[in-house]
Amino acid sequence: MLSEQAWVHDLIERHRRALSSPIRKLPIDIMREIFILASSNVADIKDFAWTATHTCSEWRAIAMQTLTLWSKIHVATDTRAYTRPCSLIEMPEIQELLSISKGASNKECVRRALELSGHVPLVVSFVQPDNFWKDQALSDADVEMLDMLLDHAPRWKIAYLDAQHGGPLFNDRLHRLRDRVPMLERISIEASFDTSGSPHLQDILAWDRLDDEDRLACLLQLPILDSRLAQYVHLVLELFRATPVYVPPLSLWYTPL
């Protein structure tokens, strides 16, 4: 009996200390900012955003009502720490995702995060298994997560897609982006070209070997370009012929008109 009383007394004391904790006195707006800074990738079930929803009812309410908390989604289809050295990806937001996210993504986390993010712009990435030396196709769950992200393409603000080993499946899905990315500002697509089906192909020019005019011409062939962005690239191409411009490699910076 005494031990039970001591246990109840200890429980009450711990609850009292929790209620008087300084963090409970912070304004909700400050709590929201702390949550956003503590979260890095809501596709990972171990991310702080999910921890907050299971800490207490107050934290859960704050997390569920903070739409931007759920807007950084990095889908890694295996447990690799990275797809390539992050310093080579000229997109700071994606560098952060790739350097922090270590585990494979959870399909249910991706689905729920896309719901909780509401209408806010998204920072997304999709990294495939490193199957260069082995036949390792995307699983059904991987494809489903890719399709989830593509369903929300109209909200993409910054995106990184690792399609180096994607094959026809990835290429087919890229066409879903055409005329569906009005918020897109930056996108980087890692891709490789299989020459086995082109026996007469003799020369392949790498992106970093092209001059700026050729790069702009290549951009016009991207399946993701909507009509407004295509007009923008056409305009830059015309301006280049009069005054040289610089187009950064690997990425395209674009502000919607």
C-alpha atoms as a PDB file:
ATOM      1  CA  MET A   1       0.000   0.000   0.000  1.00  0.00           C
ATOM      2  CA  LEU A   2       2.780   2.426   0.932  1.00  0.00           C
ATOM      3  CA  SER A   3       4.613   1.704  -2.303  1.00  0.00           C
ATOM      4  CA  GLU A   4       1.457   2.432  -4.321  1.00  0.00           C
ATOM      5  CA  GLN A   5       0.944   5.706  -2.444  1.00  0.00           C
ATOM      6  CA  ALA A   6       4.542   6.681  -3.102  1.00  0.00           C
ATOM      7  CA  TRP A   7       4.120   5.874  -6.800  1.00  0.00           C
ATOM      8  CA  VAL A   8       0.953   8.013  -7.032  1.00  0.00           C
ATOM      9  CA  HIS A   9       2.656  10.865  -5.165  1.00  0.00           C
ATOM     10  CA  ASP A  10       5.643  10.699  -7.511  1.00  0.00           C
ATOM     11  CA  LEU A  11       3.337  10.708 -10.546  1.00  0.00           C
ATOM     12  CA  ILE A  12       1.489  13.784  -9.263  1.00  0.00           C
ATOM     13  CA  GLU A  13       4.772  15.571  -8.549  1.00  0.00           C
ATOM     14  CA  ARG A  14       6.148  14.860 -12.027  1.00  0.00           C
ATOM     15  CA  HIS A  15       2.900  16.086 -13.581  1.00  0.00           C
ATOM     16  CA  ARG A  16       3.073  19.267 -11.488  1.00  0.00           C
ATOM     17  CA  ARG A  17       6.645  19.942 -12.629  1.00  0.00           C
ATOM     18  CA  ALA A  18       5.644  19.345 -16.238  1.00  0.00           C
ATOM     19  CA  LEU A  19       2.787  21.839 -15.968  1.00  0.00           C
ATOM     20  CA  SER A  20       5.136  24.486 -14.586  1.00  0.00           C
ATOM     21  CA  SER A  21       7.820  23.888 -17.228  1.00  0.00           C
ATOM     22  CA  PRO A  22       8.945  27.136 -18.940  1.00  0.00           C
ATOM     23  CA  ILE A  23       8.276  25.684 -22.403  1.00  0.00           C
ATOM     24  CA  ARG A  24       4.559  25.481 -21.593  1.00  0.00           C
ATOM     25  CA  LYS A  25       4.530  29.249 -21.107  1.00  0.00           C
ATOM     26  CA  LEU A  26       5.858  30.029 -24.589  1.00  0.00           C
ATOM     27  CA  PRO A  27       3.450  31.623 -27.098  1.00  0.00           C
ATOM     28  CA  ILE A  28       2.066  29.209 -29.673  1.00  0.00           C
ATOM     29  CA  ASP A  29       3.751  31.115 -32.527  1.00  0.00           C
ATOM     30  CA  ILE A  30       7.144  30.541 -30.883  1.00  0.00           C
ATOM     31  CA  MET A  31       6.318  26.871 -30.380  1.00  0.00           C
ATOM     32  CA  ARG A  32       5.471  26.571 -34.077  1.00  0.00           C
ATOM     33  CA  GLU A  33       8.851  28.008 -35.065  1.00  0.00           C
ATOM     34  CA  ILE A  34      10.662  25.636 -32.697  1.00  0.00           C
ATOM     35  CA  PHE A  35       8.802  22.665 -34.176  1.00  0.00           C
ATOM     36  CA  ILE A  36       9.655  23.716 -37.737  1.00  0.00           C
ATOM     37  CA  LEU A  37      13.349  24.153 -36.883  1.00  0.00           C
ATOM     38  CA  ALA A  38      13.470  20.774 -35.124  1.00  0.00           C
ATOM     39  CA  SER A  39      11.929  18.913 -38.067  1.00  0.00           C
ATOM     40  CA  SER A  40      13.909  17.957 -41.166  1.00  0.00           C
ATOM     41  CA  ASN A  41      11.985  15.275 -43.066  1.00  0.00           C
ATOM     42  CA  VAL A  42       8.423  14.241 -42.309  1.00  0.00           C
ATOM     43  CA  ALA A  43       8.712  11.188 -44.564  1.00  0.00           C
ATOM     44  CA  ASP A  44      10.774   9.643 -41.753  1.00  0.00           C
ATOM     45  CA  ILE A  45       8.702   8.234 -38.884  1.00  0.00           C
ATOM     46  CA  LYS A  46      11.505   9.218 -36.466  1.00  0.00           C
ATOM     47  CA  ASP A  47      11.277  12.895 -37.422  1.00  0.00           C
ATOM     48  CA  PHE A  48      10.495  15.374 -34.646  1.00  0.00           C
ATOM     49  CA  ALA A  49       7.165  16.296 -36.224  1.00  0.00           C
ATOM     50  CA  TRP A  50       5.826  12.813 -35.502  1.00  0.00           C
ATOM     51  CA  THR A  51       7.375  12.809 -32.016  1.00  0.00           C
ATOM     52  CA  ALA A  52       5.551  16.045 -31.240  1.00  0.00           C
ATOM     53  CA  THR A  53       2.186  14.509 -32.145  1.00  0.00           C
ATOM     54  CA  HIS A  54       2.744  11.761 -29.538  1.00  0.00           C
ATOM     55  CA  THR A  55       4.152  13.899 -26.693  1.00  0.00           C
ATOM     56  CA  CYS A  56       1.010  15.514 -25.303  1.00  0.00           C
ATOM     57  CA  SER A  57      -2.341  16.794 -26.520  1.00  0.00           C
ATOM     58  CA  GLU A  58      -1.111  20.404 -26.603  1.00  0.00           C
ATOM     59  CA  TRP A  59       1.939  19.604 -28.735  1.00  0.00           C
ATOM     60  CA  ARG A  60      -0.161  17.390 -30.963  1.00  0.00           C
ATOM     61  CA  ALA A  61      -2.627  20.221 -31.587  1.00  0.00           C
ATOM     62  CA  ILE A  62       0.180  22.667 -32.410  1.00  0.00           C
ATOM     63  CA  ALA A  63       1.877  20.214 -34.770  1.00  0.00           C
ATOM     64  CA  MET A  64      -1.307  19.230 -36.575  1.00  0.00           C
ATOM     65  CA  GLN A  65      -2.259  22.884 -37.116  1.00  0.00           C
ATOM     66  CA  THR A  66       1.174  23.983 -38.402  1.00  0.00           C
ATOM     67  CA  LEU A  67       0.927  23.294 -42.133  1.00  0.00           C
ATOM     68  CA  THR A  68       4.528  24.234 -42.977  1.00  0.00           C
ATOM     69  CA  LEU A  69       5.795  21.664 -40.456  1.00  0.00           C
ATOM     70  CA  TRP A  70       4.746  18.962 -42.934  1.00  0.00           C
ATOM     71  CA  SER A  71       6.124  20.572 -46.092  1.00  0.00           C
ATOM     72  CA  LYS A  72       9.645  19.017 -46.267  1.00  0.00           C
ATOM     73  CA  ILE A  73       9.321  15.502 -47.672  1.00  0.00           C
ATOM     74  CA  HIS A  74      12.368  13.450 -48.672  1.00  0.00           C
ATOM     75  CA  VAL A  75      11.501   9.986 -49.982  1.00  0.00           C
ATOM     76  CA  ALA A  76      14.519   7.657 -49.832  1.00  0.00           C
ATOM     77  CA  THR A  77      13.628   4.227 -51.171  1.00  0.00           C
ATOM     78  CA  ASP A  78      16.392   2.461 -49.244  1.00  0.00           C
ATOM     79  CA  THR A  79      18.603   3.097 -46.219  1.00  0.00           C
ATOM     80  CA  ARG A  80      21.524   4.741 -47.998  1.00  0.00           C
ATOM     81  CA  ALA A  81      22.819   7.830 -46.226  1.00  0.00           C
ATOM     82  CA  TYR A  82      22.975   9.787 -49.485  1.00  0.00           C
ATOM     83  CA  THR A  83      22.636   9.447 -53.221  1.00  0.00           C
ATOM     84  CA  ARG A  84      25.711  11.537 -54.082  1.00  0.00           C
ATOM     85  CA  PRO A  85      27.902  14.053 -52.225  1.00  0.00           C
ATOM     86  CA  CYS A  86      25.461  16.686 -51.023  1.00  0.00           C
ATOM     87  CA  SER A  87      27.955  19.470 -51.702  1.00  0.00           C
ATOM     88  CA  LEU A  88      27.492  18.823 -55.430  1.00  0.00           C
ATOM     89  CA  ILE A  89      23.767  19.562 -55.296  1.00  0.00           C
ATOM     90  CA  GLU A  90      23.371  23.319 -55.672  1.00  0.00           C
ATOM     91  CA  MET A  91      20.115  23.437 -53.715  1.00  0.00           C
ATOM     92  CA  PRO A  92      20.577  24.237 -49.989  1.00  0.00           C
ATOM     93  CA  GLU A  93      17.133  22.973 -48.972  1.00  0.00           C
ATOM     94  CA  ILE A  94      17.735  19.591 -50.595  1.00  0.00           C
ATOM     95  CA  GLN A  95      21.280  19.372 -49.208  1.00  0.00           C
ATOM     96  CA  GLU A  96      19.764  19.587 -45.737  1.00  0.00           C
ATOM     97  CA  LEU A  97      17.270  16.823 -46.448  1.00  0.00           C
ATOM     98  CA  LEU A  98      19.835  14.474 -47.958  1.00  0.00           C
ATOM     99  CA  SER A  99      22.406  15.004 -45.223  1.00  0.00           C
ATOM    100  CA  ILE A 100      20.006  14.522 -42.307  1.00  0.00           C
ATOM    101  CA  SER A 101      17.711  11.791 -43.575  1.00  0.00           C
ATOM    102  CA  LYS A 102      19.285   8.385 -43.023  1.00  0.00           C
ATOM    103  CA  GLY A 103      16.383   5.954 -43.022  1.00  0.00           C
ATOM    104  CA  ALA A 104      14.014   4.694 -45.650  1.00  0.00           C
ATOM    105  CA  SER A 105      10.724   6.544 -45.937  1.00  0.00           C
ATOM    106  CA  ASN A 106       7.441   5.399 -44.524  1.00  0.00           C
ATOM    107  CA  LYS A 107       4.596   5.289 -47.046  1.00  0.00           C
ATOM    108  CA  GLU A 108       1.946   6.156 -44.475  1.00  0.00           C
ATOM    109  CA  CYS A 109       4.056   9.072 -43.210  1.00  0.00           C
ATOM    110  CA  VAL A 110       4.302  10.455 -46.752  1.00  0.00           C
ATOM    111  CA  ARG A 111       0.568  10.136 -47.325  1.00  0.00           C
ATOM    112  CA  ARG A 112      -0.363  11.726 -43.994  1.00  0.00           C
ATOM    113  CA  ALA A 113       2.220  14.524 -44.324  1.00  0.00           C
ATOM    114  CA  LEU A 114       0.836  15.505 -47.726  1.00  0.00           C
ATOM    115  CA  GLU A 115      -2.606  15.742 -46.133  1.00  0.00           C
ATOM    116  CA  LEU A 116      -1.422  17.735 -43.106  1.00  0.00           C
ATOM    117  CA  SER A 117       0.558  20.198 -45.264  1.00  0.00           C
ATOM    118  CA  GLY A 118      -2.710  21.459 -46.716  1.00  0.00           C
ATOM    119  CA  HIS A 119      -2.104  24.017 -49.465  1.00  0.00           C
ATOM    120  CA  VAL A 120       1.414  25.217 -48.590  1.00  0.00           C
ATOM    121  CA  PRO A 121       4.342  24.926 -51.070  1.00  0.00           C
ATOM    122  CA  LEU A 122       6.438  21.764 -50.772  1.00  0.00           C
ATOM    123  CA  VAL A 123      10.155  20.955 -50.716  1.00  0.00           C
ATOM    124  CA  VAL A 124      10.355  17.386 -52.011  1.00  0.00           C
ATOM    125  CA  SER A 125      12.885  14.843 -53.189  1.00  0.00           C
ATOM    126  CA  PHE A 126      12.820  11.239 -54.366  1.00  0.00           C
ATOM    127  CA  VAL A 127      15.953   9.086 -54.217  1.00  0.00           C
ATOM    128  CA  GLN A 128      15.968   5.639 -55.813  1.00  0.00           C
ATOM    129  CA  PRO A 129      17.953   2.564 -54.763  1.00  0.00           C
ATOM    130  CA  ASP A 130      21.537   2.545 -55.980  1.00  0.00           C
ATOM    131  CA  ASN A 131      21.011  -0.396 -58.347  1.00  0.00           C
ATOM    132  CA  PHE A 132      23.779   0.291 -60.856  1.00  0.00           C
ATOM    133  CA  TRP A 133      25.465  -3.062 -60.197  1.00  0.00           C
ATOM    134  CA  LYS A 134      22.361  -5.136 -59.523  1.00  0.00           C
ATOM    135  CA  ASP A 135      18.840  -5.530 -60.794  1.00  0.00           C
ATOM    136  CA  GLN A 136      16.832  -3.744 -58.121  1.00  0.00           C
ATOM    137  CA  ALA A 137      13.593  -2.288 -59.394  1.00  0.00           C
ATOM    138  CA  LEU A 138      11.374   0.020 -57.410  1.00  0.00           C
ATOM    139  CA  SER A 139       8.971  -1.776 -55.112  1.00  0.00           C
ATOM    140  CA  ASP A 140       5.224  -1.191 -55.301  1.00  0.00           C
ATOM    141  CA  ALA A 141       5.490   0.947 -52.159  1.00  0.00           C
ATOM    142  CA  ASP A 142       8.263   3.051 -53.736  1.00  0.00           C
ATOM    143  CA  VAL A 143       6.198   3.654 -56.865  1.00  0.00           C
ATOM    144  CA  GLU A 144       3.196   4.541 -54.727  1.00  0.00           C
ATOM    145  CA  MET A 145       5.224   7.140 -52.809  1.00  0.00           C
ATOM    146  CA  LEU A 146       6.507   8.621 -56.083  1.00  0.00           C
ATOM    147  CA  ASP A 147       2.938   8.850 -57.360  1.00  0.00           C
ATOM    148  CA  MET A 148       1.868  10.528 -54.110  1.00  0.00           C
ATOM    149  CA  LEU A 149       4.453  13.258 -54.652  1.00  0.00           C
ATOM    150  CA  LEU A 150       3.448  13.663 -58.294  1.00  0.00           C
ATOM    151  CA  ASP A 151      -0.207  13.983 -57.276  1.00  0.00           C
ATOM    152  CA  HIS A 152       0.820  17.101 -55.358  1.00  0.00           C
ATOM    153  CA  ALA A 153       3.109  18.509 -58.084  1.00  0.00           C
ATOM    154  CA  PRO A 154       1.049  21.745 -58.288  1.00  0.00           C
ATOM    155  CA  ARG A 155       2.429  22.566 -54.821  1.00  0.00           C
ATOM    156  CA  TRP A 156       6.085  21.767 -55.563  1.00  0.00           C
ATOM    157  CA  LYS A 157       8.338  24.745 -54.840  1.00  0.00           C
ATOM    158  CA  ILE A 158      11.723  22.986 -54.769  1.00  0.00           C
ATOM    159  CA  ALA A 159      12.294  19.444 -56.012  1.00  0.00           C
ATOM    160  CA  TYR A 160      15.133  16.971 -56.452  1.00  0.00           C
ATOM    161  CA  LEU A 161      14.566  13.708 -58.353  1.00  0.00           C
ATOM    162  CA  ASP A 162      17.209  10.988 -58.526  1.00  0.00           C
ATOM    163  CA  ALA A 163      16.379   9.228 -61.805  1.00  0.00           C
ATOM    164  CA  GLN A 164      19.825   7.846 -62.571  1.00  0.00           C
ATOM    165  CA  HIS A 165      18.513   4.281 -62.615  1.00  0.00           C
ATOM    166  CA  GLY A 166      14.830   4.990 -63.176  1.00  0.00           C
ATOM    167  CA  GLY A 167      14.395   3.691 -66.687  1.00  0.00           C
ATOM    168  CA  PRO A 168      11.089   3.972 -68.572  1.00  0.00           C
ATOM    169  CA  LEU A 169       8.992   4.040 -65.391  1.00  0.00           C
ATOM    170  CA  PHE A 170      10.585   7.252 -64.162  1.00  0.00           C
ATOM    171  CA  ASN A 171      10.621   8.875 -67.599  1.00  0.00           C
ATOM    172  CA  ASP A 172       6.933   8.141 -68.111  1.00  0.00           C
ATOM    173  CA  ARG A 173       6.054   9.726 -64.796  1.00  0.00           C
ATOM    174  CA  LEU A 174       8.022  12.892 -65.514  1.00  0.00           C
ATOM    175  CA  HIS A 175       5.447  13.702 -68.184  1.00  0.00           C
ATOM    176  CA  ARG A 176       2.884  14.104 -65.396  1.00  0.00           C
ATOM    177  CA  LEU A 177       4.634  17.348 -64.452  1.00  0.00           C
ATOM    178  CA  ARG A 178       3.840  19.156 -67.693  1.00  0.00           C
ATOM    179  CA  ASP A 179       1.596  22.176 -67.073  1.00  0.00           C
ATOM    180  CA  ARG A 180       1.167  21.114 -63.418  1.00  0.00           C
ATOM    181  CA  VAL A 181       3.931  22.968 -61.558  1.00  0.00           C
ATOM    182  CA  PRO A 182       2.803  26.605 -61.183  1.00  0.00           C
ATOM    183  CA  MET A 183       4.696  27.093 -57.876  1.00  0.00           C
ATOM    184  CA  LEU A 184       7.955  25.491 -59.012  1.00  0.00           C
ATOM    185  CA  GLU A 185      11.038  27.684 -58.498  1.00  0.00           C
ATOM    186  CA  ARG A 186      13.894  25.177 -58.630  1.00  0.00           C
ATOM    187  CA  ILE A 187      14.215  21.578 -59.743  1.00  0.00           C
ATOM    188  CA  SER A 188      17.175  19.241 -60.138  1.00  0.00           C
ATOM    189  CA  ILE A 189      16.856  15.904 -61.939  1.00  0.00           C
ATOM    190  CA  GLU A 190      19.649  13.343 -61.812  1.00  0.00           C
ATOM    191  CA  ALA A 191      19.428  11.192 -64.948  1.00  0.00           C
ATOM    192  CA  SER A 192      21.501   8.721 -66.939  1.00  0.00           C
ATOM    193  CA  PHE A 193      21.284   7.661 -70.553  1.00  0.00           C
ATOM    194  CA  ASP A 194      21.389   3.992 -71.583  1.00  0.00           C
ATOM    195  CA  THR A 195      23.146   3.718 -74.947  1.00  0.00           C
ATOM    196  CA  SER A 196      22.539  -0.022 -75.395  1.00  0.00           C
ATOM    197  CA  GLY A 197      19.480   0.695 -77.513  1.00  0.00           C
ATOM    198  CA  SER A 198      21.340   3.167 -79.744  1.00  0.00           C
ATOM    199  CA  PRO A 199      24.104   1.204 -81.543  1.00  0.00           C
ATOM    200  CA  HIS A 200      24.805   4.031 -84.016  1.00  0.00           C
ATOM    201  CA  LEU A 201      25.217   6.711 -81.349  1.00  0.00           C
ATOM    202  CA  GLN A 202      28.774   8.068 -81.468  1.00  0.00           C
ATOM    203  CA  ASP A 203      28.919  11.270 -79.430  1.00  0.00           C
ATOM    204  CA  ILE A 204      27.318  12.212 -76.116  1.00  0.00           C
ATOM    205  CA  LEU A 205      27.787  15.743 -74.778  1.00  0.00           C
ATOM    206  CA  ALA A 206      27.709  16.202 -71.008  1.00  0.00           C
ATOM    207  CA  TRP A 207      25.726  19.162 -69.653  1.00  0.00           C
ATOM    208  CA  ASP A 208      28.843  20.851 -68.319  1.00  0.00           C
ATOM    209  CA  ARG A 209      30.439  20.635 -71.768  1.00  0.00           C
ATOM    210  CA  LEU A 210      27.623  22.554 -73.477  1.00  0.00           C
ATOM    211  CA  ASP A 211      27.689  26.297 -73.956  1.00  0.00           C
ATOM    212  CA  ASP A 212      24.886  28.427 -72.547  1.00  0.00           C
ATOM    213  CA  GLU A 213      22.941  28.654 -75.799  1.00  0.00           C
ATOM    214  CA  ASP A 214      22.894  24.865 -76.186  1.00  0.00           C
ATOM    215  CA  ARG A 215      21.810  24.477 -72.569  1.00  0.00           C
ATOM    216  CA  LEU A 216      18.869  26.786 -73.103  1.00  0.00           C
ATOM    217  CA  ALA A 217      17.891  24.858 -76.211  1.00  0.00           C
ATOM    218  CA  CYS A 218      17.994  21.606 -74.214  1.00  0.00           C
ATOM    219  CA  LEU A 219      15.792  23.099 -71.505  1.00  0.00           C
ATOM    220  CA  LEU A 220      13.047  23.601 -74.080  1.00  0.00           C
ATOM    221  CA  GLN A 221      12.849  19.812 -74.494  1.00  0.00           C
ATOM    222  CA  LEU A 222      12.165  19.093 -70.821  1.00  0.00           C
ATOM    223  CA  PRO A 223       8.777  17.413 -70.306  1.00  0.00           C
ATOM    224  CA  ILE A 224       8.156  19.420 -67.127  1.00  0.00           C
ATOM    225  CA  LEU A 225       8.036  22.797 -68.867  1.00  0.00           C
ATOM    226  CA  ASP A 226       4.628  24.397 -68.873  1.00  0.00           C
ATOM    227  CA  SER A 227       3.713  26.863 -71.608  1.00  0.00           C
ATOM    228  CA  ARG A 228       4.638  29.961 -69.566  1.00  0.00           C
ATOM    229  CA  LEU A 229       8.039  28.612 -68.598  1.00  0.00           C
ATOM    230  CA  ALA A 230       8.719  27.554 -72.186  1.00  0.00           C
ATOM    231  CA  GLN A 231       8.000  31.125 -73.289  1.00  0.00           C
ATOM    232  CA  TYR A 232      10.382  32.356 -70.576  1.00  0.00           C
ATOM    233  CA  VAL A 233      13.198  30.084 -71.795  1.00  0.00           C
ATOM    234  CA  HIS A 234      12.538  31.147 -75.399  1.00  0.00           C
ATOM    235  CA  LEU A 235      12.883  34.771 -74.304  1.00  0.00           C
ATOM    236  CA  VAL A 236      16.179  34.094 -72.497  1.00  0.00           C
ATOM    237  CA  LEU A 237      17.452  32.277 -75.584  1.00  0.00           C
ATOM    238  CA  GLU A 238      16.677  35.306 -77.744  1.00  0.00           C
ATOM    239  CA  LEU A 239      18.363  37.602 -75.219  1.00  0.00           C
ATOM    240  CA  PHE A 240      21.419  35.346 -75.182  1.00  0.00           C
ATOM    241  CA  ARG A 241      21.948  35.825 -78.892  1.00  0.00           C
ATOM    242  CA  ALA A 242      22.285  39.532 -78.215  1.00  0.00           C
ATOM    243  CA  THR A 243      23.956  39.387 -74.767  1.00  0.00           C
ATOM    244  CA  PRO A 244      25.480  36.205 -73.238  1.00  0.00           C
ATOM    245  CA  VAL A 245      23.810  34.920 -70.078  1.00  0.00           C
ATOM    246  CA  TYR A 246      24.722  32.239 -67.597  1.00  0.00           C
ATOM    247  CA  VAL A 247      22.536  29.211 -66.895  1.00  0.00           C
ATOM    248  CA  PRO A 248      23.709  27.270 -63.802  1.00  0.00           C
ATOM    249  CA  PRO A 249      24.384  23.568 -64.398  1.00  0.00           C
ATOM    250  CA  LEU A 250      22.135  20.832 -62.991  1.00  0.00           C
ATOM    251  CA  SER A 251      19.362  23.174 -61.872  1.00  0.00           C
ATOM    252  CA  LEU A 252      16.867  25.616 -63.326  1.00  0.00           C
ATOM    253  CA  TRP A 253      15.864  28.672 -61.293  1.00  0.00           C
ATOM    254  CA  TYR A 254      12.387  29.899 -62.141  1.00  0.00           C
ATOM    255  CA  THR A 255       9.968  32.348 -60.560  1.00  0.00           C
ATOM    256  CA  PRO A 256       6.372  31.887 -61.816  1.00  0.00           C
ATOM    257  CA  LEU A 257       5.050  34.794 -63.821  1.00  0.00           C
END
